[in-house]
Amino acid sequence: MVSKAEGAIVDLTGIVPGDDARAFAERYDRDARQVQVVLDEARRIVRMEEGVLITETPHGFVCANGGVDASNVGPDSGSLVTLLPRDPDASAAGIRAALRDRFGIDVPVIVSDSFGRPWRWGIVDVAIGVSGLLPLDDLRGVPDADGRVMRSTVRAVADELASAAELALGKTARRPAALVRGAEFTRGEGSIRDVVMPAANDLFR
């Protein structure tokens, strides 16, 4: 929804795939034009084999196809793909401001997308942009239920809320937004950049 509203759409009919895109597409029965868009959008290619294309986006997200999506693009499906929003935090802030102006309430907003997970089948929604809440809940230094001080626990609150909302949104139900009630989070001007792990901490790079 956000990508469409912001015009983050590419018409594949105008894409000329390069040699790498054509070779990969031919080998794994992919659309070479879409593969080229993924390569164009990538900051770094993490893996490109067995028909799977994992890249790092300019935002720092590591995901399949760089977030380039051919699903739910409307009647021109097959010739259009959507890209991730260029600045998902700004997208979330814009939606939050519009809701505040229209309804007079300040509702934190999460922009989400479906990502796969390493070593697990299936996709879940994760936060790709936030406004009005801190995306992480750092519990390091806090005693657990038994009084033992936690040393490494940092809850991914925005991701948890995004995943919970996706249960209501569904993948094919045409519901673009959900309101999550009763959740615990910390209000604040956080950024999705707080969630992205620095390269120095990446044990698998």
Protein backbone atom coordinates (compact mmCIF):
# COMPACT_ATOMS: atom_id res chain seq x y z
CA MET A 1 0.00 0.00 0.00
CA VAL A 2 2.72 2.47 0.98
CA SER A 3 4.88 1.65 -2.03
CA LYS A 4 1.94 2.14 -4.38
CA ALA A 5 0.92 5.41 -2.72
CA GLU A 6 4.46 6.75 -3.02
CA GLY A 7 4.93 5.62 -6.62
CA ALA A 8 7.63 3.08 -5.79
CA ILE A 9 6.63 1.02 -8.82
CA VAL A 10 8.69 -0.17 -11.76
CA ASP A 11 7.27 -1.06 -15.18
CA LEU A 12 9.22 -4.11 -16.31
CA THR A 13 8.48 -3.43 -19.97
CA GLY A 14 11.16 -0.72 -19.86
CA ILE A 15 13.84 -2.84 -18.18
CA VAL A 16 16.70 -4.27 -20.23
CA PRO A 17 18.32 -7.12 -18.26
CA GLY A 18 22.07 -7.51 -18.23
CA ASP A 19 24.09 -10.67 -18.70
CA ASP A 20 24.03 -11.70 -15.03
CA ALA A 21 20.28 -11.23 -14.75
CA ARG A 22 19.62 -13.15 -17.96
CA ALA A 23 21.87 -16.05 -16.98
CA PHE A 24 20.31 -16.35 -13.51
CA ALA A 25 16.78 -16.08 -14.89
CA GLU A 26 17.34 -18.66 -17.59
CA ARG A 27 18.88 -21.14 -15.19
CA TYR A 28 16.14 -20.86 -12.55
CA ASP A 29 13.08 -19.92 -14.64
CA ARG A 30 12.85 -16.35 -13.36
CA ASP A 31 11.84 -13.10 -15.06
CA ALA A 32 15.16 -11.58 -16.10
CA ARG A 33 13.69 -8.08 -15.96
CA GLN A 34 12.66 -8.50 -12.33
CA VAL A 35 16.05 -9.99 -11.48
CA GLN A 36 17.67 -6.91 -13.01
CA VAL A 37 15.53 -4.61 -10.86
CA VAL A 38 16.60 -6.55 -7.76
CA LEU A 39 20.26 -6.18 -8.74
CA ASP A 40 19.78 -2.47 -9.46
CA GLU A 41 18.23 -1.94 -6.03
CA ALA A 42 20.88 -3.91 -4.13
CA ARG A 43 23.58 -2.38 -2.00
CA ARG A 44 25.17 -5.83 -1.73
CA ILE A 45 24.43 -9.29 -3.11
CA VAL A 46 24.46 -11.71 -0.20
CA ARG A 47 23.61 -14.90 -2.09
CA MET A 48 22.60 -15.64 -5.66
CA GLU A 49 22.18 -19.36 -6.22
CA GLU A 50 19.65 -22.21 -6.30
CA GLY A 51 17.07 -19.78 -7.64
CA VAL A 52 17.31 -17.65 -4.49
CA LEU A 53 18.45 -14.04 -4.66
CA ILE A 54 19.25 -12.51 -1.27
CA THR A 55 20.45 -8.91 -1.19
CA GLU A 56 21.06 -6.09 1.20
CA THR A 57 18.89 -3.07 0.47
CA PRO A 58 20.02 0.56 0.78
CA HIS A 59 18.14 0.60 4.12
CA GLY A 60 20.37 -2.21 5.44
CA PHE A 61 17.67 -4.92 5.29
CA VAL A 62 18.84 -8.36 4.15
CA CYS A 63 15.95 -10.08 2.41
CA ALA A 64 14.84 -12.11 -0.58
CA ASN A 65 14.72 -10.17 -3.84
CA GLY A 66 15.63 -6.94 -2.07
CA GLY A 67 11.98 -6.40 -1.21
CA VAL A 68 11.09 -6.16 -4.91
CA ASP A 69 7.59 -7.65 -5.12
CA ALA A 70 5.46 -8.79 -8.04
CA SER A 71 2.47 -9.68 -5.82
CA ASN A 72 -0.62 -7.53 -5.29
CA VAL A 73 0.32 -4.96 -7.91
CA GLY A 74 -3.14 -4.79 -9.48
CA PRO A 75 -4.48 -5.55 -12.95
CA ASP A 76 -1.08 -5.08 -14.60
CA SER A 77 0.34 -8.02 -12.65
CA GLY A 78 3.23 -9.53 -14.57
CA SER A 79 4.54 -6.24 -15.93
CA LEU A 80 4.85 -4.26 -12.70
CA VAL A 81 6.81 -4.69 -9.48
CA THR A 82 6.82 -2.64 -6.31
CA LEU A 83 9.95 -1.51 -4.50
CA LEU A 84 10.38 -0.86 -0.80
CA PRO A 85 9.66 2.73 0.24
CA ARG A 86 12.81 4.84 -0.06
CA ASP A 87 12.47 6.12 3.52
CA PRO A 88 10.05 3.87 5.44
CA ASP A 89 10.44 5.88 8.66
CA ALA A 90 9.30 9.00 6.79
CA SER A 91 6.42 6.98 5.32
CA ALA A 92 5.32 5.95 8.81
CA ALA A 93 5.68 9.53 10.06
CA GLY A 94 3.53 10.82 7.21
CA ILE A 95 0.75 8.36 7.95
CA ARG A 96 0.94 9.19 11.66
CA ALA A 97 0.70 12.92 10.94
CA ALA A 98 -2.28 12.41 8.63
CA LEU A 99 -4.10 10.35 11.27
CA ARG A 100 -3.34 12.97 13.92
CA ASP A 101 -4.61 15.79 11.71
CA ARG A 102 -7.78 13.96 10.75
CA PHE A 103 -8.75 12.30 14.04
CA GLY A 104 -6.93 14.33 16.67
CA ILE A 105 -5.11 11.33 18.15
CA ASP A 106 -1.45 10.39 18.06
CA VAL A 107 -1.21 6.74 17.03
CA PRO A 108 2.25 5.22 16.56
CA VAL A 109 2.62 3.73 13.08
CA ILE A 110 4.57 0.74 11.79
CA VAL A 111 5.13 0.08 8.09
CA SER A 112 5.74 -3.63 7.58
CA ASP A 113 6.64 -6.15 4.92
CA SER A 114 6.83 -9.93 4.80
CA PHE A 115 10.32 -11.38 5.18
CA GLY A 116 11.64 -14.92 5.31
CA ARG A 117 13.86 -16.05 8.17
CA PRO A 118 17.17 -17.91 7.97
CA TRP A 119 16.87 -21.60 8.87
CA ARG A 120 13.05 -21.48 9.13
CA TRP A 121 10.34 -22.00 6.52
CA GLY A 122 7.60 -19.43 6.08
CA ILE A 123 7.35 -15.66 6.09
CA VAL A 124 6.38 -13.22 8.83
CA ASP A 125 5.76 -9.50 8.73
CA VAL A 126 8.53 -7.36 10.19
CA ALA A 127 8.77 -3.62 10.69
CA ILE A 128 10.54 -1.71 7.93
CA GLY A 129 9.56 1.76 9.19
CA VAL A 130 8.34 3.20 12.49
CA SER A 131 7.06 6.46 13.91
CA GLY A 132 5.99 7.25 17.45
CA LEU A 133 7.45 4.22 19.21
CA LEU A 134 10.80 2.71 20.04
CA PRO A 135 11.26 -0.42 17.92
CA LEU A 136 13.35 -2.20 20.55
CA ASP A 137 12.77 -2.88 24.24
CA ASP A 138 16.19 -3.26 25.85
CA LEU A 139 15.85 -5.45 28.94
CA ARG A 140 19.55 -5.85 29.60
CA GLY A 141 20.25 -5.16 33.25
CA VAL A 142 16.65 -5.91 34.28
CA PRO A 143 15.97 -8.90 36.58
CA ASP A 144 13.94 -11.75 35.08
CA ALA A 145 11.06 -13.45 36.91
CA ASP A 146 13.55 -15.32 39.09
CA GLY A 147 15.65 -12.27 39.90
CA ARG A 148 18.47 -13.17 37.50
CA VAL A 149 19.77 -10.09 35.68
CA MET A 150 19.27 -10.38 31.93
CA ARG A 151 22.39 -9.64 29.92
CA SER A 152 21.36 -10.04 26.28
CA THR A 153 17.55 -9.76 26.02
CA VAL A 154 16.38 -7.05 23.63
CA ARG A 155 12.78 -7.48 22.47
CA ALA A 156 12.04 -6.60 18.84
CA VAL A 157 8.77 -4.86 19.75
CA ALA A 158 8.06 -3.31 16.34
CA ASP A 159 8.60 -6.65 14.61
CA GLU A 160 6.33 -8.38 17.12
CA LEU A 161 3.58 -5.82 16.53
CA ALA A 162 4.00 -6.09 12.75
CA SER A 163 3.70 -9.87 12.91
CA ALA A 164 0.63 -9.69 15.16
CA ALA A 165 -1.03 -7.23 12.78
CA GLU A 166 -0.37 -9.50 9.80
CA LEU A 167 -2.61 -12.14 11.36
CA ALA A 168 -5.48 -9.69 10.92
CA LEU A 169 -4.30 -8.30 7.59
CA GLY A 170 -3.87 -11.63 5.83
CA LYS A 171 -1.99 -12.04 2.59
CA THR A 172 -4.94 -12.01 0.19
CA ALA A 173 -7.74 -10.32 2.18
CA ARG A 174 -7.15 -6.82 0.72
CA ARG A 175 -6.85 -5.26 4.19
CA PRO A 176 -3.97 -2.77 4.00
CA ALA A 177 -3.94 -1.68 7.65
CA ALA A 178 -4.68 -3.02 11.11
CA LEU A 179 -5.05 -1.43 14.54
CA VAL A 180 -3.26 -3.30 17.33
CA ARG A 181 -4.76 -2.74 20.78
CA GLY A 182 -3.48 -3.64 24.23
CA ALA A 183 0.18 -4.02 23.27
CA GLU A 184 3.02 -2.85 25.49
CA PHE A 185 5.56 -0.55 23.88
CA THR A 186 7.50 2.62 24.65
CA ARG A 187 6.49 5.81 22.94
CA GLY A 188 9.32 7.78 21.42
CA GLU A 189 10.84 8.93 18.16
CA GLY A 190 12.57 5.72 17.22
CA SER A 191 13.91 4.69 13.83
CA ILE A 192 14.08 1.41 12.01
CA ARG A 193 17.82 2.05 11.81
CA ASP A 194 17.93 1.10 15.49
CA VAL A 195 16.96 -2.46 14.49
CA VAL A 196 19.47 -3.01 11.70
CA MET A 197 22.50 -4.87 13.02
CA PRO A 198 25.84 -3.18 12.30
CA ALA A 199 28.23 -5.14 10.11
CA ALA A 200 30.66 -5.44 13.03
CA ASN A 201 28.08 -7.52 14.93
CA ASP A 202 27.10 -9.74 12.00
CA LEU A 203 28.59 -13.17 12.68
CA PHE A 204 27.51 -14.55 9.30
CA ARG A 205 28.81 -11.87 6.96
